[in-house]
PDB file of all heavy atoms in Angstrom:
ATOM      1  N   THR A   1     -24.117  33.631  18.965  1.00  0.00           N
ATOM      2  CA  THR A   1     -23.520  32.727  17.985  1.00  0.00           C
ATOM      3  C   THR A   1     -22.455  31.885  18.629  1.00  0.00           C
ATOM      4  O   THR A   1     -21.757  32.309  19.537  1.00  0.00           O
ATOM      5  CB  THR A   1     -22.897  33.504  16.806  1.00  0.00           C
ATOM      6  OG1 THR A   1     -21.860  34.314  17.302  1.00  0.00           O
ATOM      7  CG2 THR A   1     -23.939  34.361  16.111  1.00  0.00           C
ATOM      8  N   GLU A   2     -22.342  30.640  18.175  1.00  0.00           N
ATOM      9  CA  GLU A   2     -21.220  29.800  18.530  1.00  0.00           C
ATOM     10  C   GLU A   2     -20.186  29.947  17.424  1.00  0.00           C
ATOM     11  O   GLU A   2     -20.480  29.703  16.248  1.00  0.00           O
ATOM     12  CB  GLU A   2     -21.661  28.349  18.673  1.00  0.00           C
ATOM     13  CG  GLU A   2     -22.615  28.137  19.841  1.00  0.00           C
ATOM     14  CD  GLU A   2     -23.170  26.738  19.841  1.00  0.00           C
ATOM     15  OE1 GLU A   2     -22.835  25.984  18.922  1.00  0.00           O
ATOM     16  OE2 GLU A   2     -23.929  26.405  20.753  1.00  0.00           O
ATOM     17  N   GLN A   3     -18.982  30.366  17.731  1.00  0.00           N
ATOM     18  CA  GLN A   3     -17.964  30.616  16.730  1.00  0.00           C
ATOM     19  C   GLN A   3     -17.684  29.343  15.957  1.00  0.00           C
ATOM     20  O   GLN A   3     -17.543  28.273  16.531  1.00  0.00           O
ATOM     21  CB  GLN A   3     -16.701  31.119  17.445  1.00  0.00           C
ATOM     22  CG  GLN A   3     -15.721  31.783  16.501  1.00  0.00           C
ATOM     23  CD  GLN A   3     -14.567  32.300  17.284  1.00  0.00           C
ATOM     24  OE1 GLN A   3     -13.717  31.522  17.691  1.00  0.00           O
ATOM     25  NE2 GLN A   3     -14.519  33.604  17.486  1.00  0.00           N
ATOM     26  N   SER A   4     -17.564  29.414  14.635  1.00  0.00           N
ATOM     27  CA  SER A   4     -17.456  28.211  13.828  1.00  0.00           C
ATOM     28  C   SER A   4     -16.679  28.479  12.552  1.00  0.00           C
ATOM     29  O   SER A   4     -16.550  29.615  12.108  1.00  0.00           O
ATOM     30  CB  SER A   4     -18.855  27.721  13.474  1.00  0.00           C
ATOM     31  OG  SER A   4     -19.554  28.733  12.783  1.00  0.00           O
ATOM     32  N   PRO A   5     -16.204  27.409  11.904  1.00  0.00           N
ATOM     33  CA  PRO A   5     -15.566  27.577  10.603  1.00  0.00           C
ATOM     34  C   PRO A   5     -16.588  28.041   9.578  1.00  0.00           C
ATOM     35  O   PRO A   5     -17.792  27.874   9.767  1.00  0.00           O
ATOM     36  CB  PRO A   5     -15.050  26.161  10.288  1.00  0.00           C
ATOM     37  CG  PRO A   5     -15.016  25.454  11.606  1.00  0.00           C
ATOM     38  CD  PRO A   5     -16.111  26.045  12.402  1.00  0.00           C
ATOM     39  N   PRO A   6     -16.138  28.588   8.447  1.00  0.00           N
ATOM     40  CA  PRO A   6     -17.064  29.109   7.452  1.00  0.00           C
ATOM     41  C   PRO A   6     -18.005  28.056   6.891  1.00  0.00           C
ATOM     42  O   PRO A   6     -19.076  28.384   6.402  1.00  0.00           O
ATOM     43  CB  PRO A   6     -16.128  29.660   6.361  1.00  0.00           C
ATOM     44  CG  PRO A   6     -14.830  29.934   7.055  1.00  0.00           C
ATOM     45  CD  PRO A   6     -14.731  28.890   8.120  1.00  0.00           C
ATOM     46  N   VAL A   7     -17.641  26.749   6.975  1.00  0.00           N
ATOM     47  CA  VAL A   7     -18.489  25.724   6.377  1.00  0.00           C
ATOM     48  C   VAL A   7     -19.727  25.454   7.216  1.00  0.00           C
ATOM     49  O   VAL A   7     -20.609  24.717   6.793  1.00  0.00           O
ATOM     50  CB  VAL A   7     -17.705  24.399   6.201  1.00  0.00           C
ATOM     51  CG1 VAL A   7     -16.564  24.601   5.236  1.00  0.00           C
ATOM     52  CG2 VAL A   7     -17.178  23.910   7.550  1.00  0.00           C
ATOM     53  N   TRP A   8     -19.799  26.028   8.421  1.00  0.00           N
ATOM     54  CA  TRP A   8     -20.962  25.771   9.271  1.00  0.00           C
ATOM     55  C   TRP A   8     -22.197  26.416   8.690  1.00  0.00           C
ATOM     56  O   TRP A   8     -22.155  27.491   8.109  1.00  0.00           O
ATOM     57  CB  TRP A   8     -20.727  26.320  10.673  1.00  0.00           C
ATOM     58  CG  TRP A   8     -19.955  25.365  11.526  1.00  0.00           C
ATOM     59  CD1 TRP A   8     -19.079  24.423  11.118  1.00  0.00           C
ATOM     60  CD2 TRP A   8     -20.011  25.294  12.940  1.00  0.00           C
ATOM     61  NE1 TRP A   8     -18.568  23.757  12.163  1.00  0.00           N
ATOM     62  CE2 TRP A   8     -19.122  24.275  13.308  1.00  0.00           C
ATOM     63  CE3 TRP A   8     -20.703  25.988  13.918  1.00  0.00           C
ATOM     64  CZ2 TRP A   8     -18.924  23.920  14.630  1.00  0.00           C
ATOM     65  CZ3 TRP A   8     -20.498  25.645  15.228  1.00  0.00           C
ATOM     66  CH2 TRP A   8     -19.619  24.615  15.584  1.00  0.00           C
ATOM     67  N   ARG A   9     -23.318  25.718   8.886  1.00  0.00           N
ATOM     68  CA  ARG A   9     -24.598  26.280   8.504  1.00  0.00           C
ATOM     69  C   ARG A   9     -25.095  27.176   9.625  1.00  0.00           C
ATOM     70  O   ARG A   9     -25.049  26.815  10.789  1.00  0.00           O
ATOM     71  CB  ARG A   9     -25.608  25.133   8.278  1.00  0.00           C
ATOM     72  CG  ARG A   9     -26.996  25.619   7.873  1.00  0.00           C
ATOM     73  CD  ARG A   9     -27.920  24.435   7.642  1.00  0.00           C
ATOM     74  NE  ARG A   9     -28.185  23.742   8.889  1.00  0.00           N
ATOM     75  CZ  ARG A   9     -28.519  22.462   8.966  1.00  0.00           C
ATOM     76  NH1 ARG A   9     -28.562  21.734   7.887  1.00  0.00           N
ATOM     77  NH2 ARG A   9     -28.776  21.927  10.141  1.00  0.00           N
ATOM     78  N   ARG A  10     -25.579  28.369   9.321  1.00  0.00           N
ATOM     79  CA  ARG A  10     -26.113  29.289  10.317  1.00  0.00           C
ATOM     80  C   ARG A  10     -27.625  29.294  10.203  1.00  0.00           C
ATOM     81  O   ARG A  10     -28.186  29.359   9.122  1.00  0.00           O
ATOM     82  CB  ARG A  10     -25.567  30.704  10.110  1.00  0.00           C
ATOM     83  CG  ARG A  10     -24.057  30.797  10.345  1.00  0.00           C
ATOM     84  CD  ARG A  10     -23.571  32.218  10.189  1.00  0.00           C
ATOM     85  NE  ARG A  10     -22.138  32.292  10.434  1.00  0.00           N
ATOM     86  CZ  ARG A  10     -21.596  32.459  11.624  1.00  0.00           C
ATOM     87  NH1 ARG A  10     -22.360  32.544  12.683  1.00  0.00           N
ATOM     88  NH2 ARG A  10     -20.287  32.533  11.766  1.00  0.00           N
ATOM     89  N   SER A  11     -28.309  29.223  11.347  1.00  0.00           N
ATOM     90  CA  SER A  11     -29.774  29.252  11.358  1.00  0.00           C
ATOM     91  C   SER A  11     -30.224  30.324  12.323  1.00  0.00           C
ATOM     92  O   SER A  11     -29.605  30.540  13.356  1.00  0.00           O
ATOM     93  CB  SER A  11     -30.339  27.893  11.799  1.00  0.00           C
ATOM     94  OG  SER A  11     -29.882  27.569  13.072  1.00  0.00           O
ATOM     95  N   ARG A  12     -31.306  31.015  12.016  1.00  0.00           N
ATOM     96  CA  ARG A  12     -31.820  32.085  12.855  1.00  0.00           C
ATOM     97  C   ARG A  12     -33.110  31.616  13.495  1.00  0.00           C
ATOM     98  O   ARG A  12     -34.042  31.199  12.801  1.00  0.00           O
ATOM     99  CB  ARG A  12     -32.065  33.344  12.025  1.00  0.00           C
ATOM    100  CG  ARG A  12     -32.300  34.586  12.890  1.00  0.00           C
ATOM    101  CD  ARG A  12     -32.143  35.844  12.047  1.00  0.00           C
ATOM    102  NE  ARG A  12     -32.233  37.046  12.837  1.00  0.00           N
ATOM    103  CZ  ARG A  12     -31.245  37.573  13.515  1.00  0.00           C
ATOM    104  NH1 ARG A  12     -30.080  36.977  13.531  1.00  0.00           N
ATOM    105  NH2 ARG A  12     -31.407  38.687  14.203  1.00  0.00           N
ATOM    106  N   LEU A  13     -33.175  31.676  14.843  1.00  0.00           N
ATOM    107  CA  LEU A  13     -34.328  31.198  15.587  1.00  0.00           C
ATOM    108  C   LEU A  13     -35.063  32.381  16.169  1.00  0.00           C
ATOM    109  O   LEU A  13     -34.450  33.314  16.656  1.00  0.00           O
ATOM    110  CB  LEU A  13     -33.891  30.265  16.726  1.00  0.00           C
ATOM    111  CG  LEU A  13     -33.083  29.037  16.291  1.00  0.00           C
ATOM    112  CD1 LEU A  13     -32.605  28.299  17.510  1.00  0.00           C
ATOM    113  CD2 LEU A  13     -33.929  28.141  15.417  1.00  0.00           C
ATOM    114  N   VAL A  14     -36.385  32.352  16.148  1.00  0.00           N
ATOM    115  CA  VAL A  14     -37.192  33.423  16.696  1.00  0.00           C
ATOM    116  C   VAL A  14     -38.166  32.825  17.698  1.00  0.00           C
ATOM    117  O   VAL A  14     -38.913  31.914  17.377  1.00  0.00           O
ATOM    118  CB  VAL A  14     -37.975  34.159  15.592  1.00  0.00           C
ATOM    119  CG1 VAL A  14     -38.823  35.259  16.197  1.00  0.00           C
ATOM    120  CG2 VAL A  14     -37.020  34.728  14.564  1.00  0.00           C
ATOM    121  N   VAL A  15     -38.155  33.309  18.950  1.00  0.00           N
ATOM    122  CA  VAL A  15     -39.117  32.927  19.970  1.00  0.00           C
ATOM    123  C   VAL A  15     -39.994  34.151  20.195  1.00  0.00           C
ATOM    124  O   VAL A  15     -39.531  35.154  20.716  1.00  0.00           O
ATOM    125  CB  VAL A  15     -38.420  32.524  21.276  1.00  0.00           C
ATOM    126  CG1 VAL A  15     -39.462  32.088  22.285  1.00  0.00           C
ATOM    127  CG2 VAL A  15     -37.439  31.420  21.012  1.00  0.00           C
ATOM    128  N   THR A  16     -41.256  34.050  19.856  1.00  0.00           N
ATOM    129  CA  THR A  16     -42.124  35.213  19.717  1.00  0.00           C
ATOM    130  C   THR A  16     -41.311  36.251  18.947  1.00  0.00           C
ATOM    131  O   THR A  16     -41.035  36.064  17.769  1.00  0.00           O
ATOM    132  CB  THR A  16     -42.611  35.710  21.076  1.00  0.00           C
ATOM    133  OG1 THR A  16     -41.499  36.058  21.891  1.00  0.00           O
ATOM    134  CG2 THR A  16     -43.429  34.648  21.775  1.00  0.00           C
ATOM    135  N   ALA A  17     -40.912  37.353  19.582  1.00  0.00           N
ATOM    136  CA  ALA A  17     -40.113  38.327  18.848  1.00  0.00           C
ATOM    137  C   ALA A  17     -38.686  38.377  19.355  1.00  0.00           C
ATOM    138  O   ALA A  17     -37.964  39.328  19.118  1.00  0.00           O
ATOM    139  CB  ALA A  17     -40.761  39.701  18.950  1.00  0.00           C
ATOM    140  N   PHE A  18     -38.270  37.346  20.139  1.00  0.00           N
ATOM    141  CA  PHE A  18     -36.904  37.314  20.666  1.00  0.00           C
ATOM    142  C   PHE A  18     -36.003  36.648  19.639  1.00  0.00           C
ATOM    143  O   PHE A  18     -36.220  35.501  19.280  1.00  0.00           O
ATOM    144  CB  PHE A  18     -36.868  36.534  21.980  1.00  0.00           C
ATOM    145  CG  PHE A  18     -35.547  36.638  22.678  1.00  0.00           C
ATOM    146  CD1 PHE A  18     -35.382  37.530  23.715  1.00  0.00           C
ATOM    147  CD2 PHE A  18     -34.485  35.849  22.295  1.00  0.00           C
ATOM    148  CE1 PHE A  18     -34.181  37.623  24.361  1.00  0.00           C
ATOM    149  CE2 PHE A  18     -33.277  35.952  22.940  1.00  0.00           C
ATOM    150  CZ  PHE A  18     -33.124  36.840  23.966  1.00  0.00           C
ATOM    151  N   CYS A  19     -35.006  37.365  19.128  1.00  0.00           N
ATOM    152  CA  CYS A  19     -34.151  36.846  18.066  1.00  0.00           C
ATOM    153  C   CYS A  19     -32.795  36.481  18.651  1.00  0.00           C
ATOM    154  O   CYS A  19     -32.182  37.275  19.328  1.00  0.00           O
ATOM    155  CB  CYS A  19     -33.969  37.896  16.971  1.00  0.00           C
ATOM    156  SG  CYS A  19     -35.530  38.419  16.234  1.00  0.00           S
ATOM    157  N   ALA A  20     -32.353  35.248  18.350  1.00  0.00           N
ATOM    158  CA  ALA A  20     -31.020  34.840  18.773  1.00  0.00           C
ATOM    159  C   ALA A  20     -30.426  33.949  17.713  1.00  0.00           C
ATOM    160  O   ALA A  20     -31.048  32.955  17.343  1.00  0.00           O
ATOM    161  CB  ALA A  20     -31.088  34.095  20.110  1.00  0.00           C
ATOM    162  N   ALA A  21     -29.275  34.290  17.193  1.00  0.00           N
ATOM    163  CA  ALA A  21     -28.623  33.483  16.165  1.00  0.00           C
ATOM    164  C   ALA A  21     -27.765  32.428  16.824  1.00  0.00           C
ATOM    165  O   ALA A  21     -26.954  32.727  17.669  1.00  0.00           O
ATOM    166  CB  ALA A  21     -27.751  34.382  15.285  1.00  0.00           C
ATOM    167  N   LEU A  22     -27.977  31.167  16.419  1.00  0.00           N
ATOM    168  CA  LEU A  22     -27.234  30.056  16.998  1.00  0.00           C
ATOM    169  C   LEU A  22     -26.640  29.237  15.859  1.00  0.00           C
ATOM    170  O   LEU A  22     -27.387  28.763  15.000  1.00  0.00           O
ATOM    171  CB  LEU A  22     -28.156  29.156  17.822  1.00  0.00           C
ATOM    172  CG  LEU A  22     -28.725  29.773  19.095  1.00  0.00           C
ATOM    173  CD1 LEU A  22     -29.897  28.943  19.574  1.00  0.00           C
ATOM    174  CD2 LEU A  22     -27.657  29.836  20.141  1.00  0.00           C
ATOM    175  N   CYS A  23     -25.324  29.085  15.840  1.00  0.00           N
ATOM    176  CA  CYS A  23     -24.695  28.281  14.808  1.00  0.00           C
ATOM    177  C   CYS A  23     -24.533  26.866  15.314  1.00  0.00           C
ATOM    178  O   CYS A  23     -23.970  26.661  16.378  1.00  0.00           O
ATOM    179  CB  CYS A  23     -23.322  28.848  14.453  1.00  0.00           C
ATOM    180  SG  CYS A  23     -23.439  30.433  13.617  1.00  0.00           S
ATOM    181  N   VAL A  24     -24.981  25.875  14.562  1.00  0.00           N
ATOM    182  CA  VAL A  24     -24.901  24.485  14.971  1.00  0.00           C
ATOM    183  C   VAL A  24     -24.373  23.671  13.816  1.00  0.00           C
ATOM    184  O   VAL A  24     -24.640  23.957  12.649  1.00  0.00           O
ATOM    185  CB  VAL A  24     -26.288  23.964  15.410  1.00  0.00           C
ATOM    186  CG1 VAL A  24     -26.750  24.693  16.636  1.00  0.00           C
ATOM    187  CG2 VAL A  24     -27.305  24.118  14.298  1.00  0.00           C
ATOM    188  N   ALA A  25     -23.634  22.630  14.140  1.00  0.00           N
ATOM    189  CA  ALA A  25     -23.100  21.764  13.105  1.00  0.00           C
ATOM    190  C   ALA A  25     -24.173  20.832  12.595  1.00  0.00           C
ATOM    191  O   ALA A  25     -25.007  20.358  13.366  1.00  0.00           O
ATOM    192  CB  ALA A  25     -21.928  20.955  13.672  1.00  0.00           C
ATOM    193  N   PRO A  26     -24.200  20.498  11.312  1.00  0.00           N
ATOM    194  CA  PRO A  26     -25.210  19.598  10.768  1.00  0.00           C
ATOM    195  C   PRO A  26     -25.163  18.257  11.467  1.00  0.00           C
ATOM    196  O   PRO A  26     -24.113  17.677  11.678  1.00  0.00           O
ATOM    197  CB  PRO A  26     -24.793  19.476   9.293  1.00  0.00           C
ATOM    198  CG  PRO A  26     -23.964  20.692   9.020  1.00  0.00           C
ATOM    199  CD  PRO A  26     -23.286  21.005  10.285  1.00  0.00           C
ATOM    200  N   GLY A  27     -26.351  17.783  11.853  1.00  0.00           N
ATOM    201  CA  GLY A  27     -26.450  16.472  12.480  1.00  0.00           C
ATOM    202  C   GLY A  27     -26.068  16.440  13.925  1.00  0.00           C
ATOM    203  O   GLY A  27     -26.107  15.397  14.562  1.00  0.00           O
ATOM    204  N   GLN A  28     -25.675  17.578  14.516  1.00  0.00           N
ATOM    205  CA  GLN A  28     -25.250  17.588  15.912  1.00  0.00           C
ATOM    206  C   GLN A  28     -26.079  18.593  16.702  1.00  0.00           C
ATOM    207  O   GLN A  28     -25.560  19.454  17.378  1.00  0.00           O
ATOM    208  CB  GLN A  28     -23.768  17.945  16.003  1.00  0.00           C
ATOM    209  CG  GLN A  28     -22.843  16.985  15.289  1.00  0.00           C
ATOM    210  CD  GLN A  28     -22.908  15.602  15.895  1.00  0.00           C
ATOM    211  OE1 GLN A  28     -23.203  15.454  17.070  1.00  0.00           O
ATOM    212  NE2 GLN A  28     -22.641  14.578  15.104  1.00  0.00           N
ATOM    213  N   VAL A  29     -27.398  18.502  16.590  1.00  0.00           N
ATOM    214  CA  VAL A  29     -28.283  19.435  17.275  1.00  0.00           C
ATOM    215  C   VAL A  29     -28.712  18.832  18.597  1.00  0.00           C
ATOM    216  O   VAL A  29     -29.225  17.722  18.641  1.00  0.00           O
ATOM    217  CB  VAL A  29     -29.523  19.762  16.401  1.00  0.00           C
ATOM    218  CG1 VAL A  29     -30.411  20.746  17.118  1.00  0.00           C
ATOM    219  CG2 VAL A  29     -29.070  20.310  15.056  1.00  0.00           C
ATOM    220  N   HIS A  30     -28.511  19.551  19.697  1.00  0.00           N
ATOM    221  CA  HIS A  30     -28.893  19.102  21.029  1.00  0.00           C
ATOM    222  C   HIS A  30     -30.005  19.977  21.566  1.00  0.00           C
ATOM    223  O   HIS A  30     -30.258  21.067  21.069  1.00  0.00           O
ATOM    224  CB  HIS A  30     -27.682  19.153  21.974  1.00  0.00           C
ATOM    225  CG  HIS A  30     -26.562  18.285  21.501  1.00  0.00           C
ATOM    226  ND1 HIS A  30     -26.598  16.920  21.617  1.00  0.00           N
ATOM    227  CD2 HIS A  30     -25.387  18.600  20.878  1.00  0.00           C
ATOM    228  CE1 HIS A  30     -25.475  16.408  21.113  1.00  0.00           C
ATOM    229  NE2 HIS A  30     -24.737  17.412  20.655  1.00  0.00           N
ATOM    230  N   ALA A  31     -30.677  19.503  22.601  1.00  0.00           N
ATOM    231  CA  ALA A  31     -31.800  20.251  23.162  1.00  0.00           C
ATOM    232  C   ALA A  31     -31.314  21.546  23.797  1.00  0.00           C
ATOM    233  O   ALA A  31     -30.271  21.584  24.437  1.00  0.00           O
ATOM    234  CB  ALA A  31     -32.515  19.400  24.212  1.00  0.00           C
ATOM    235  N   PHE A  32     -32.107  22.606  23.604  1.00  0.00           N
ATOM    236  CA  PHE A  32     -31.813  23.884  24.263  1.00  0.00           C
ATOM    237  C   PHE A  32     -33.120  24.550  24.643  1.00  0.00           C
ATOM    238  O   PHE A  32     -34.061  24.575  23.851  1.00  0.00           O
ATOM    239  CB  PHE A  32     -31.011  24.808  23.351  1.00  0.00           C
ATOM    240  CG  PHE A  32     -30.648  26.102  24.022  1.00  0.00           C
ATOM    241  CD1 PHE A  32     -29.619  26.138  24.943  1.00  0.00           C
ATOM    242  CD2 PHE A  32     -31.365  27.254  23.772  1.00  0.00           C
ATOM    243  CE1 PHE A  32     -29.285  27.316  25.586  1.00  0.00           C
ATOM    244  CE2 PHE A  32     -31.035  28.432  24.411  1.00  0.00           C
ATOM    245  CZ  PHE A  32     -29.998  28.464  25.314  1.00  0.00           C
ATOM    246  N   GLU A  33     -33.184  25.066  25.879  1.00  0.00           N
ATOM    247  CA  GLU A  33     -34.384  25.726  26.361  1.00  0.00           C
ATOM    248  C   GLU A  33     -34.071  27.174  26.708  1.00  0.00           C
ATOM    249  O   GLU A  33     -32.999  27.487  27.220  1.00  0.00           O
ATOM    250  CB  GLU A  33     -34.934  25.025  27.604  1.00  0.00           C
ATOM    251  CG  GLU A  33     -35.485  23.640  27.316  1.00  0.00           C
ATOM    252  CD  GLU A  33     -36.175  23.044  28.516  1.00  0.00           C
ATOM    253  OE1 GLU A  33     -36.323  23.771  29.513  1.00  0.00           O
ATOM    254  OE2 GLU A  33     -36.556  21.875  28.470  1.00  0.00           O
ATOM    255  N   LEU A  34     -35.042  28.047  26.434  1.00  0.00           N
ATOM    256  CA  LEU A  34     -34.956  29.450  26.809  1.00  0.00           C
ATOM    257  C   LEU A  34     -36.298  29.872  27.360  1.00  0.00           C
ATOM    258  O   LEU A  34     -37.330  29.654  26.710  1.00  0.00           O
ATOM    259  CB  LEU A  34     -34.587  30.304  25.596  1.00  0.00           C
ATOM    260  CG  LEU A  34     -34.529  31.817  25.833  1.00  0.00           C
ATOM    261  CD1 LEU A  34     -33.413  32.137  26.816  1.00  0.00           C
ATOM    262  CD2 LEU A  34     -34.313  32.547  24.517  1.00  0.00           C
ATOM    263  N   PHE A  35     -36.309  30.449  28.596  1.00  0.00           N
ATOM    264  CA  PHE A  35     -37.550  30.867  29.249  1.00  0.00           C
ATOM    265  C   PHE A  35     -38.518  29.693  29.380  1.00  0.00           C
ATOM    266  O   PHE A  35     -39.730  29.841  29.272  1.00  0.00           O
ATOM    267  CB  PHE A  35     -38.221  32.016  28.492  1.00  0.00           C
ATOM    268  CG  PHE A  35     -37.326  33.182  28.272  1.00  0.00           C
ATOM    269  CD1 PHE A  35     -37.155  33.726  27.021  1.00  0.00           C
ATOM    270  CD2 PHE A  35     -36.618  33.727  29.332  1.00  0.00           C
ATOM    271  CE1 PHE A  35     -36.311  34.802  26.831  1.00  0.00           C
ATOM    272  CE2 PHE A  35     -35.776  34.804  29.156  1.00  0.00           C
ATOM    273  CZ  PHE A  35     -35.625  35.337  27.896  1.00  0.00           C
ATOM    274  N   GLY A  36     -37.965  28.451  29.579  1.00  0.00           N
ATOM    275  CA  GLY A  36     -38.825  27.298  29.780  1.00  0.00           C
ATOM    276  C   GLY A  36     -39.351  26.689  28.503  1.00  0.00           C
ATOM    277  O   GLY A  36     -40.116  25.731  28.530  1.00  0.00           O
ATOM    278  N   ILE A  37     -38.962  27.233  27.325  1.00  0.00           N
ATOM    279  CA  ILE A  37     -39.437  26.705  26.047  1.00  0.00           C
ATOM    280  C   ILE A  37     -38.288  25.983  25.370  1.00  0.00           C
ATOM    281  O   ILE A  37     -37.186  26.518  25.229  1.00  0.00           O
ATOM    282  CB  ILE A  37     -39.945  27.833  25.132  1.00  0.00           C
ATOM    283  CG1 ILE A  37     -41.145  28.526  25.771  1.00  0.00           C
ATOM    284  CG2 ILE A  37     -40.316  27.295  23.759  1.00  0.00           C
ATOM    285  CD1 ILE A  37     -41.653  29.686  24.961  1.00  0.00           C
ATOM    286  N   LYS A  38     -38.524  24.735  24.899  1.00  0.00           N
ATOM    287  CA  LYS A  38     -37.499  24.018  24.159  1.00  0.00           C
ATOM    288  C   LYS A  38     -37.451  24.577  22.748  1.00  0.00           C
ATOM    289  O   LYS A  38     -38.436  24.548  22.007  1.00  0.00           O
ATOM    290  CB  LYS A  38     -37.798  22.515  24.151  1.00  0.00           C
ATOM    291  CG  LYS A  38     -36.685  21.725  23.471  1.00  0.00           C
ATOM    292  CD  LYS A  38     -36.983  20.241  23.463  1.00  0.00           C
ATOM    293  CE  LYS A  38     -36.787  19.617  24.813  1.00  0.00           C
ATOM    294  NZ  LYS A  38     -38.004  19.440  25.534  1.00  0.00           N
ATOM    295  N   LEU A  39     -36.289  25.109  22.351  1.00  0.00           N
ATOM    296  CA  LEU A  39     -36.165  25.693  21.029  1.00  0.00           C
ATOM    297  C   LEU A  39     -35.893  24.631  19.974  1.00  0.00           C
ATOM    298  O   LEU A  39     -36.377  24.728  18.849  1.00  0.00           O
ATOM    299  CB  LEU A  39     -35.038  26.726  21.022  1.00  0.00           C
ATOM    300  CG  LEU A  39     -35.204  27.891  22.016  1.00  0.00           C
ATOM    301  CD1 LEU A  39     -34.087  28.893  21.815  1.00  0.00           C
ATOM    302  CD2 LEU A  39     -36.548  28.549  21.856  1.00  0.00           C
ATOM    303  N   PHE A  40     -35.084  23.642  20.298  1.00  0.00           N
ATOM    304  CA  PHE A  40     -34.792  22.592  19.331  1.00  0.00           C
ATOM    305  C   PHE A  40     -34.206  21.414  20.069  1.00  0.00           C
ATOM    306  O   PHE A  40     -33.790  21.503  21.210  1.00  0.00           O
ATOM    307  CB  PHE A  40     -33.816  23.081  18.245  1.00  0.00           C
ATOM    308  CG  PHE A  40     -32.508  23.595  18.780  1.00  0.00           C
ATOM    309  CD1 PHE A  40     -31.480  22.729  19.111  1.00  0.00           C
ATOM    310  CD2 PHE A  40     -32.313  24.957  18.955  1.00  0.00           C
ATOM    311  CE1 PHE A  40     -30.283  23.206  19.596  1.00  0.00           C
ATOM    312  CE2 PHE A  40     -31.108  25.434  19.438  1.00  0.00           C
ATOM    313  CZ  PHE A  40     -30.089  24.567  19.762  1.00  0.00           C
ATOM    314  N   GLY A  41     -34.181  20.252  19.382  1.00  0.00           N
ATOM    315  CA  GLY A  41     -33.509  19.084  19.918  1.00  0.00           C
ATOM    316  C   GLY A  41     -34.409  18.210  20.745  1.00  0.00           C
ATOM    317  O   GLY A  41     -35.602  18.459  20.902  1.00  0.00           O
ATOM    318  N   SER A  42     -33.848  17.155  21.295  1.00  0.00           N
ATOM    319  CA  SER A  42     -34.583  16.173  22.078  1.00  0.00           C
ATOM    320  C   SER A  42     -34.135  16.236  23.515  1.00  0.00           C
ATOM    321  O   SER A  42     -33.192  16.923  23.866  1.00  0.00           O
ATOM    322  CB  SER A  42     -34.327  14.760  21.516  1.00  0.00           C
ATOM    323  OG  SER A  42     -32.979  14.390  21.734  1.00  0.00           O
ATOM    324  N   ASP A  43     -34.824  15.452  24.348  1.00  0.00           N
ATOM    325  CA  ASP A  43     -34.484  15.407  25.766  1.00  0.00           C
ATOM    326  C   ASP A  43     -33.361  14.432  26.059  1.00  0.00           C
ATOM    327  O   ASP A  43     -32.918  14.328  27.187  1.00  0.00           O
ATOM    328  CB  ASP A  43     -35.710  15.001  26.586  1.00  0.00           C
ATOM    329  CG  ASP A  43     -36.733  16.113  26.616  1.00  0.00           C
ATOM    330  OD1 ASP A  43     -36.319  17.277  26.689  1.00  0.00           O
ATOM    331  OD2 ASP A  43     -37.941  15.799  26.558  1.00  0.00           O
ATOM    332  N   GLU A  44     -32.920  13.665  25.068  1.00  0.00           N
ATOM    333  CA  GLU A  44     -31.895  12.669  25.325  1.00  0.00           C
ATOM    334  C   GLU A  44     -30.592  13.352  25.682  1.00  0.00           C
ATOM    335  O   GLU A  44     -30.129  14.248  24.965  1.00  0.00           O
ATOM    336  CB  GLU A  44     -31.697  11.785  24.094  1.00  0.00           C
ATOM    337  CG  GLU A  44     -32.934  10.955  23.746  1.00  0.00           C
ATOM    338  CD  GLU A  44     -32.703  10.091  22.531  1.00  0.00           C
ATOM    339  OE1 GLU A  44     -31.560  10.123  22.019  1.00  0.00           O
ATOM    340  OE2 GLU A  44     -33.625   9.400  22.106  1.00  0.00           O
ATOM    341  N   PRO A  45     -29.958  12.952  26.775  1.00  0.00           N
ATOM    342  CA  PRO A  45     -28.711  13.615  27.176  1.00  0.00           C
ATOM    343  C   PRO A  45     -27.589  13.304  26.211  1.00  0.00           C
ATOM    344  O   PRO A  45     -27.517  12.218  25.632  1.00  0.00           O
ATOM    345  CB  PRO A  45     -28.442  13.026  28.571  1.00  0.00           C
ATOM    346  CG  PRO A  45     -29.142  11.707  28.576  1.00  0.00           C
ATOM    347  CD  PRO A  45     -30.350  11.883  27.705  1.00  0.00           C
ATOM    348  N   GLU A  46     -26.699  14.305  26.037  1.00  0.00           N
ATOM    349  CA  GLU A  46     -25.606  14.122  25.103  1.00  0.00           C
ATOM    350  C   GLU A  46     -24.625  13.077  25.586  1.00  0.00           C
ATOM    351  O   GLU A  46     -23.808  12.587  24.837  1.00  0.00           O
ATOM    352  CB  GLU A  46     -24.875  15.454  24.881  1.00  0.00           C
ATOM    353  CG  GLU A  46     -24.169  16.011  26.097  1.00  0.00           C
ATOM    354  CD  GLU A  46     -25.100  16.841  26.946  1.00  0.00           C
ATOM    355  OE1 GLU A  46     -26.293  16.888  26.651  1.00  0.00           O
ATOM    356  OE2 GLU A  46     -24.622  17.430  27.929  1.00  0.00           O
TER     357      GLU A  46
END
């Protein structure tokens, strides 16, 4: 988890059966890869 204020939306992502909770701010989602798989976001650099 990314530590955040209570107003943050929390989303739970599952890669096959690998569970990792990642807190992201609305509208500020960036690309993230795990084990070579892009979980979310685009390739555009921040």
